[in-house]
Amino acid sequence: KKNSTVILGKNIVSDGRCVMIVDEGGRLEIGS
C-alpha cells in the first residue's frame, strides 16, 4: 500500500501460495 516500506534480502524462497500484505505506513523487513 501507499507509503509502505518493504526490504527483502536475497534468495528468499516461497513455495506455493503465500501472501504478503504491507498496509499504508507498514514496514516489512525480511532477511536473506
All heavy atoms as atom14 arrays in JSON, in Angstrom:
{
  "sequence": "KKNSTVILGKNIVSDGRCVMIVDEGGRLEIGS",
  "atom14_mask": [
    [1, 1, 1, 1, 1, 1, 1, 1, 1, 0, 0, 0, 0, 0],
    [1, 1, 1, 1, 1, 1, 1, 1, 1, 0, 0, 0, 0, 0],
    [1, 1, 1, 1, 1, 1, 1, 1, 0, 0, 0, 0, 0, 0],
    [1, 1, 1, 1, 1, 1, 0, 0, 0, 0, 0, 0, 0, 0],
    [1, 1, 1, 1, 1, 1, 1, 0, 0, 0, 0, 0, 0, 0],
    [1, 1, 1, 1, 1, 1, 1, 0, 0, 0, 0, 0, 0, 0],
    [1, 1, 1, 1, 1, 1, 1, 1, 0, 0, 0, 0, 0, 0],
    [1, 1, 1, 1, 1, 1, 1, 1, 0, 0, 0, 0, 0, 0],
    [1, 1, 1, 1, 0, 0, 0, 0, 0, 0, 0, 0, 0, 0],
    [1, 1, 1, 1, 1, 1, 1, 1, 1, 0, 0, 0, 0, 0],
    [1, 1, 1, 1, 1, 1, 1, 1, 0, 0, 0, 0, 0, 0],
    [1, 1, 1, 1, 1, 1, 1, 1, 0, 0, 0, 0, 0, 0],
    [1, 1, 1, 1, 1, 1, 1, 0, 0, 0, 0, 0, 0, 0],
    [1, 1, 1, 1, 1, 1, 0, 0, 0, 0, 0, 0, 0, 0],
    [1, 1, 1, 1, 1, 1, 1, 1, 0, 0, 0, 0, 0, 0],
    [1, 1, 1, 1, 0, 0, 0, 0, 0, 0, 0, 0, 0, 0],
    [1, 1, 1, 1, 1, 1, 1, 1, 1, 1, 1, 0, 0, 0],
    [1, 1, 1, 1, 1, 1, 0, 0, 0, 0, 0, 0, 0, 0],
    [1, 1, 1, 1, 1, 1, 1, 0, 0, 0, 0, 0, 0, 0],
    [1, 1, 1, 1, 1, 1, 1, 1, 0, 0, 0, 0, 0, 0],
    [1, 1, 1, 1, 1, 1, 1, 1, 0, 0, 0, 0, 0, 0],
    [1, 1, 1, 1, 1, 1, 1, 0, 0, 0, 0, 0, 0, 0],
    [1, 1, 1, 1, 1, 1, 1, 1, 0, 0, 0, 0, 0, 0],
    [1, 1, 1, 1, 1, 1, 1, 1, 1, 0, 0, 0, 0, 0],
    [1, 1, 1, 1, 0, 0, 0, 0, 0, 0, 0, 0, 0, 0],
    [1, 1, 1, 1, 0, 0, 0, 0, 0, 0, 0, 0, 0, 0],
    [1, 1, 1, 1, 1, 1, 1, 1, 1, 1, 1, 0, 0, 0],
    [1, 1, 1, 1, 1, 1, 1, 1, 0, 0, 0, 0, 0, 0],
    [1, 1, 1, 1, 1, 1, 1, 1, 1, 0, 0, 0, 0, 0],
    [1, 1, 1, 1, 1, 1, 1, 1, 0, 0, 0, 0, 0, 0],
    [1, 1, 1, 1, 0, 0, 0, 0, 0, 0, 0, 0, 0, 0],
    [1, 1, 1, 1, 1, 1, 0, 0, 0, 0, 0, 0, 0, 0]
  ],
  "atom14_positions": [
    [[0.84, -1.2, 0.0], [0.0, 0.0, 0.0], [0.87, 1.25, 0.0], [2.07, 1.19, 0.26], [-0.92, 0.01, 1.22], [-1.86, -1.19, 1.32], [-3.0, -1.07, 0.35], [-3.94, -2.27, 0.39], [-4.99, -2.21, 1.34], [0.0, 0.0, 0.0], [0.0, 0.0, 0.0], [0.0, 0.0, 0.0], [0.0, 0.0, 0.0], [0.0, 0.0, 0.0]],
    [[0.25, 2.38, -0.25], [0.94, 3.66, -0.32], [1.73, 3.93, 0.96], [1.28, 3.62, 2.05], [-0.08, 4.78, -0.54], [0.52, 6.12, -0.78], [-0.54, 7.15, -1.09], [0.13, 8.47, -1.39], [-0.8, 9.46, -1.87], [0.0, 0.0, 0.0], [0.0, 0.0, 0.0], [0.0, 0.0, 0.0], [0.0, 0.0, 0.0], [0.0, 0.0, 0.0]],
    [[2.92, 4.48, 0.78], [3.81, 4.84, 1.89], [4.26, 3.64, 2.73], [4.68, 3.81, 3.87], [3.17, 5.89, 2.81], [2.92, 7.18, 2.07], [3.73, 7.6, 1.25], [1.79, 7.8, 2.36], [0.0, 0.0, 0.0], [0.0, 0.0, 0.0], [0.0, 0.0, 0.0], [0.0, 0.0, 0.0], [0.0, 0.0, 0.0], [0.0, 0.0, 0.0]],
    [[4.17, 2.45, 2.19], [4.7, 1.28, 2.9], [6.18, 1.13, 2.54], [6.65, 1.67, 1.54], [3.92, 0.01, 2.53], [4.03, -0.27, 1.15], [0.0, 0.0, 0.0], [0.0, 0.0, 0.0], [0.0, 0.0, 0.0], [0.0, 0.0, 0.0], [0.0, 0.0, 0.0], [0.0, 0.0, 0.0], [0.0, 0.0, 0.0], [0.0, 0.0, 0.0]],
    [[6.89, 0.38, 3.38], [8.31, 0.1, 3.14], [8.51, -1.41, 3.15], [8.08, -2.07, 4.09], [9.19, 0.76, 4.21], [8.98, 2.18, 4.18], [10.66, 0.47, 3.98], [0.0, 0.0, 0.0], [0.0, 0.0, 0.0], [0.0, 0.0, 0.0], [0.0, 0.0, 0.0], [0.0, 0.0, 0.0], [0.0, 0.0, 0.0], [0.0, 0.0, 0.0]],
    [[9.16, -1.91, 2.13], [9.43, -3.35, 2.02], [10.91, -3.52, 1.72], [11.43, -2.95, 0.76], [8.59, -4.0, 0.9], [8.9, -5.48, 0.79], [7.1, -3.77, 1.14], [0.0, 0.0, 0.0], [0.0, 0.0, 0.0], [0.0, 0.0, 0.0], [0.0, 0.0, 0.0], [0.0, 0.0, 0.0], [0.0, 0.0, 0.0], [0.0, 0.0, 0.0]],
    [[11.6, -4.3, 2.57], [13.01, -4.59, 2.38], [13.16, -6.11, 2.35], [12.88, -6.77, 3.35], [13.86, -3.97, 3.51], [13.67, -2.46, 3.54], [15.33, -4.34, 3.33], [14.24, -1.79, 4.77], [0.0, 0.0, 0.0], [0.0, 0.0, 0.0], [0.0, 0.0, 0.0], [0.0, 0.0, 0.0], [0.0, 0.0, 0.0], [0.0, 0.0, 0.0]],
    [[13.58, -6.63, 1.21], [13.74, -8.07, 1.05], [15.2, -8.39, 0.77], [15.78, -7.85, -0.17], [12.87, -8.6, -0.09], [11.36, -8.34, 0.0], [10.66, -8.91, -1.23], [10.78, -8.93, 1.26], [0.0, 0.0, 0.0], [0.0, 0.0, 0.0], [0.0, 0.0, 0.0], [0.0, 0.0, 0.0], [0.0, 0.0, 0.0], [0.0, 0.0, 0.0]],
    [[15.79, -9.28, 1.57], [17.15, -9.75, 1.32], [17.18, -10.64, 0.1], [16.16, -10.86, -0.56], [0.0, 0.0, 0.0], [0.0, 0.0, 0.0], [0.0, 0.0, 0.0], [0.0, 0.0, 0.0], [0.0, 0.0, 0.0], [0.0, 0.0, 0.0], [0.0, 0.0, 0.0], [0.0, 0.0, 0.0], [0.0, 0.0, 0.0], [0.0, 0.0, 0.0]],
    [[18.34, -11.21, -0.19], [18.44, -12.03, -1.4], [18.1, -13.49, -1.1], [18.18, -13.95, 0.03], [19.82, -11.91, -2.04], [20.96, -12.32, -1.17], [22.27, -12.06, -1.9], [23.42, -12.29, -0.94], [24.69, -12.03, -1.55], [0.0, 0.0, 0.0], [0.0, 0.0, 0.0], [0.0, 0.0, 0.0], [0.0, 0.0, 0.0], [0.0, 0.0, 0.0]],
    [[17.71, -14.17, -2.15], [17.4, -15.59, -2.12], [16.27, -15.95, -1.15], [16.34, -16.92, -0.42], [18.64, -16.43, -1.8], [19.68, -16.31, -2.89], [19.35, -16.23, -4.07], [20.93, -16.28, -2.5], [0.0, 0.0, 0.0], [0.0, 0.0, 0.0], [0.0, 0.0, 0.0], [0.0, 0.0, 0.0], [0.0, 0.0, 0.0], [0.0, 0.0, 0.0]],
    [[15.2, -15.16, -1.17], [14.0, -15.51, -0.42], [13.21, -16.47, -1.29], [12.99, -16.22, -2.48], [13.18, -14.26, -0.08], [14.0, -13.36, 0.86], [11.85, -14.64, 0.56], [13.36, -12.03, 1.15], [0.0, 0.0, 0.0], [0.0, 0.0, 0.0], [0.0, 0.0, 0.0], [0.0, 0.0, 0.0], [0.0, 0.0, 0.0], [0.0, 0.0, 0.0]],
    [[12.78, -17.58, -0.7], [12.07, -18.61, -1.44], [10.69, -18.8, -0.82], [10.54, -18.88, 0.4], [12.83, -19.96, -1.38], [12.06, -21.05, -2.08], [14.22, -19.81, -1.98], [0.0, 0.0, 0.0], [0.0, 0.0, 0.0], [0.0, 0.0, 0.0], [0.0, 0.0, 0.0], [0.0, 0.0, 0.0], [0.0, 0.0, 0.0], [0.0, 0.0, 0.0]],
    [[9.67, -18.88, -1.68], [8.33, -19.26, -1.22], [7.84, -20.39, -2.11], [8.05, -20.39, -3.32], [7.37, -18.07, -1.28], [7.08, -17.71, -2.61], [0.0, 0.0, 0.0], [0.0, 0.0, 0.0], [0.0, 0.0, 0.0], [0.0, 0.0, 0.0], [0.0, 0.0, 0.0], [0.0, 0.0, 0.0], [0.0, 0.0, 0.0], [0.0, 0.0, 0.0]],
    [[7.22, -21.36, -1.48], [6.62, -22.47, -2.22], [5.11, -22.29, -2.22], [4.52, -22.0, -1.18], [6.95, -23.81, -1.56], [8.33, -24.32, -1.93], [8.89, -23.84, -2.93], [8.86, -25.19, -1.23], [0.0, 0.0, 0.0], [0.0, 0.0, 0.0], [0.0, 0.0, 0.0], [0.0, 0.0, 0.0], [0.0, 0.0, 0.0], [0.0, 0.0, 0.0]],
    [[4.51, -22.5, -3.36], [3.06, -22.47, -3.42], [2.48, -21.11, -3.13], [3.08, -20.08, -3.38], [0.0, 0.0, 0.0], [0.0, 0.0, 0.0], [0.0, 0.0, 0.0], [0.0, 0.0, 0.0], [0.0, 0.0, 0.0], [0.0, 0.0, 0.0], [0.0, 0.0, 0.0], [0.0, 0.0, 0.0], [0.0, 0.0, 0.0], [0.0, 0.0, 0.0]],
    [[1.31, -21.12, -2.54], [0.55, -19.89, -2.27], [1.04, -19.24, -0.99], [0.92, -19.8, 0.09], [-0.93, -20.24, -2.14], [-1.79, -19.09, -1.78], [-2.49, -18.56, -3.0], [-3.44, -17.55, -2.59], [-3.44, -16.33, -3.09], [-2.55, -16.0, -3.99], [-4.32, -15.46, -2.71], [0.0, 0.0, 0.0], [0.0, 0.0, 0.0], [0.0, 0.0, 0.0]],
    [[1.6, -18.06, -1.09], [2.0, -17.24, 0.06], [1.44, -15.85, -0.16], [1.31, -15.4, -1.29], [3.52, -17.17, 0.19], [4.28, -18.74, 0.58], [0.0, 0.0, 0.0], [0.0, 0.0, 0.0], [0.0, 0.0, 0.0], [0.0, 0.0, 0.0], [0.0, 0.0, 0.0], [0.0, 0.0, 0.0], [0.0, 0.0, 0.0], [0.0, 0.0, 0.0]],
    [[1.12, -15.17, 0.94], [0.55, -13.83, 0.86], [1.36, -12.9, 1.74], [1.64, -13.22, 2.9], [-0.93, -13.83, 1.31], [-1.5, -12.42, 1.3], [-1.76, -14.76, 0.47], [0.0, 0.0, 0.0], [0.0, 0.0, 0.0], [0.0, 0.0, 0.0], [0.0, 0.0, 0.0], [0.0, 0.0, 0.0], [0.0, 0.0, 0.0], [0.0, 0.0, 0.0]],
    [[1.75, -11.74, 1.2], [2.42, -10.69, 1.97], [1.68, -9.39, 1.72], [1.63, -8.91, 0.58], [3.87, -10.53, 1.52], [4.76, -11.68, 1.88], [6.45, -11.3, 1.36], [6.88, -12.85, 0.57], [0.0, 0.0, 0.0], [0.0, 0.0, 0.0], [0.0, 0.0, 0.0], [0.0, 0.0, 0.0], [0.0, 0.0, 0.0], [0.0, 0.0, 0.0]],
    [[1.09, -8.84, 2.79], [0.34, -7.59, 2.69], [1.03, -6.57, 3.59], [1.19, -6.81, 4.79], [-1.12, -7.77, 3.14], [-1.81, -8.82, 2.27], [-1.86, -6.43, 3.08], [-3.16, -9.26, 2.8], [0.0, 0.0, 0.0], [0.0, 0.0, 0.0], [0.0, 0.0, 0.0], [0.0, 0.0, 0.0], [0.0, 0.0, 0.0], [0.0, 0.0, 0.0]],
    [[1.44, -5.45, 3.01], [2.05, -4.37, 3.77], [1.16, -3.15, 3.61], [1.07, -2.57, 2.52], [3.49, -4.08, 3.31], [4.13, -3.06, 4.24], [4.32, -5.36, 3.27], [0.0, 0.0, 0.0], [0.0, 0.0, 0.0], [0.0, 0.0, 0.0], [0.0, 0.0, 0.0], [0.0, 0.0, 0.0], [0.0, 0.0, 0.0], [0.0, 0.0, 0.0]],
    [[0.46, -2.81, 4.69], [-0.53, -1.74, 4.64], [0.13, -0.37, 4.64], [1.34, -0.25, 4.85], [-1.47, -1.87, 5.85], [-2.89, -1.47, 5.52], [-3.11, -0.84, 4.47], [-3.79, -1.78, 6.32], [0.0, 0.0, 0.0], [0.0, 0.0, 0.0], [0.0, 0.0, 0.0], [0.0, 0.0, 0.0], [0.0, 0.0, 0.0], [0.0, 0.0, 0.0]],
    [[-0.67, 0.65, 4.45], [-0.17, 2.03, 4.42], [0.62, 2.35, 5.68], [0.14, 2.13, 6.79], [-1.33, 3.01, 4.27], [-0.89, 4.42, 4.03], [-2.03, 5.34, 3.63], [-3.08, 4.84, 3.21], [-1.84, 6.55, 3.74], [0.0, 0.0, 0.0], [0.0, 0.0, 0.0], [0.0, 0.0, 0.0], [0.0, 0.0, 0.0], [0.0, 0.0, 0.0]],
    [[1.86, 2.78, 5.49], [2.73, 3.12, 6.61], [3.42, 1.92, 7.25], [4.23, 2.08, 8.15], [0.0, 0.0, 0.0], [0.0, 0.0, 0.0], [0.0, 0.0, 0.0], [0.0, 0.0, 0.0], [0.0, 0.0, 0.0], [0.0, 0.0, 0.0], [0.0, 0.0, 0.0], [0.0, 0.0, 0.0], [0.0, 0.0, 0.0], [0.0, 0.0, 0.0]],
    [[3.12, 0.7, 6.8], [3.73, -0.51, 7.35], [5.17, -0.68, 6.87], [5.57, -0.13, 5.84], [0.0, 0.0, 0.0], [0.0, 0.0, 0.0], [0.0, 0.0, 0.0], [0.0, 0.0, 0.0], [0.0, 0.0, 0.0], [0.0, 0.0, 0.0], [0.0, 0.0, 0.0], [0.0, 0.0, 0.0], [0.0, 0.0, 0.0], [0.0, 0.0, 0.0]],
    [[5.94, -1.47, 7.63], [7.34, -1.74, 7.28], [7.61, -3.23, 7.44], [7.54, -3.76, 8.55], [8.27, -0.93, 8.17], [9.74, -1.14, 7.86], [10.62, -0.28, 8.76], [12.03, -0.47, 8.46], [12.71, 0.24, 7.57], [12.12, 1.19, 6.87], [13.99, 0.0, 7.36], [0.0, 0.0, 0.0], [0.0, 0.0, 0.0], [0.0, 0.0, 0.0]],
    [[7.93, -3.9, 6.34], [8.25, -5.33, 6.33], [9.7, -5.49, 5.94], [10.13, -5.01, 4.88], [7.36, -6.08, 5.34], [7.68, -7.56, 5.13], [7.5, -8.34, 6.43], [6.81, -8.14, 4.02], [0.0, 0.0, 0.0], [0.0, 0.0, 0.0], [0.0, 0.0, 0.0], [0.0, 0.0, 0.0], [0.0, 0.0, 0.0], [0.0, 0.0, 0.0]],
    [[10.49, -6.17, 6.81], [11.89, -6.44, 6.54], [12.11, -7.95, 6.62], [11.84, -8.55, 7.66], [12.78, -5.76, 7.59], [12.55, -4.29, 7.75], [13.16, -3.74, 9.03], [14.13, -4.34, 9.55], [12.65, -2.72, 9.51], [0.0, 0.0, 0.0], [0.0, 0.0, 0.0], [0.0, 0.0, 0.0], [0.0, 0.0, 0.0], [0.0, 0.0, 0.0]],
    [[12.57, -8.54, 5.53], [12.85, -9.98, 5.52], [14.31, -10.15, 5.1], [14.73, -9.67, 4.04], [11.92, -10.75, 4.55], [10.46, -10.53, 4.94], [12.28, -12.23, 4.54], [9.46, -11.21, 4.02], [0.0, 0.0, 0.0], [0.0, 0.0, 0.0], [0.0, 0.0, 0.0], [0.0, 0.0, 0.0], [0.0, 0.0, 0.0], [0.0, 0.0, 0.0]],
    [[15.08, -10.84, 5.94], [16.49, -11.06, 5.67], [16.73, -12.05, 4.55], [15.8, -12.69, 4.03], [0.0, 0.0, 0.0], [0.0, 0.0, 0.0], [0.0, 0.0, 0.0], [0.0, 0.0, 0.0], [0.0, 0.0, 0.0], [0.0, 0.0, 0.0], [0.0, 0.0, 0.0], [0.0, 0.0, 0.0], [0.0, 0.0, 0.0], [0.0, 0.0, 0.0]],
    [[17.97, -12.23, 4.18], [18.36, -13.16, 3.11], [18.12, -14.61, 3.52], [18.12, -14.95, 4.69], [19.83, -12.95, 2.77], [20.05, -11.67, 2.26], [0.0, 0.0, 0.0], [0.0, 0.0, 0.0], [0.0, 0.0, 0.0], [0.0, 0.0, 0.0], [0.0, 0.0, 0.0], [0.0, 0.0, 0.0], [0.0, 0.0, 0.0], [0.0, 0.0, 0.0]]
  ]
}
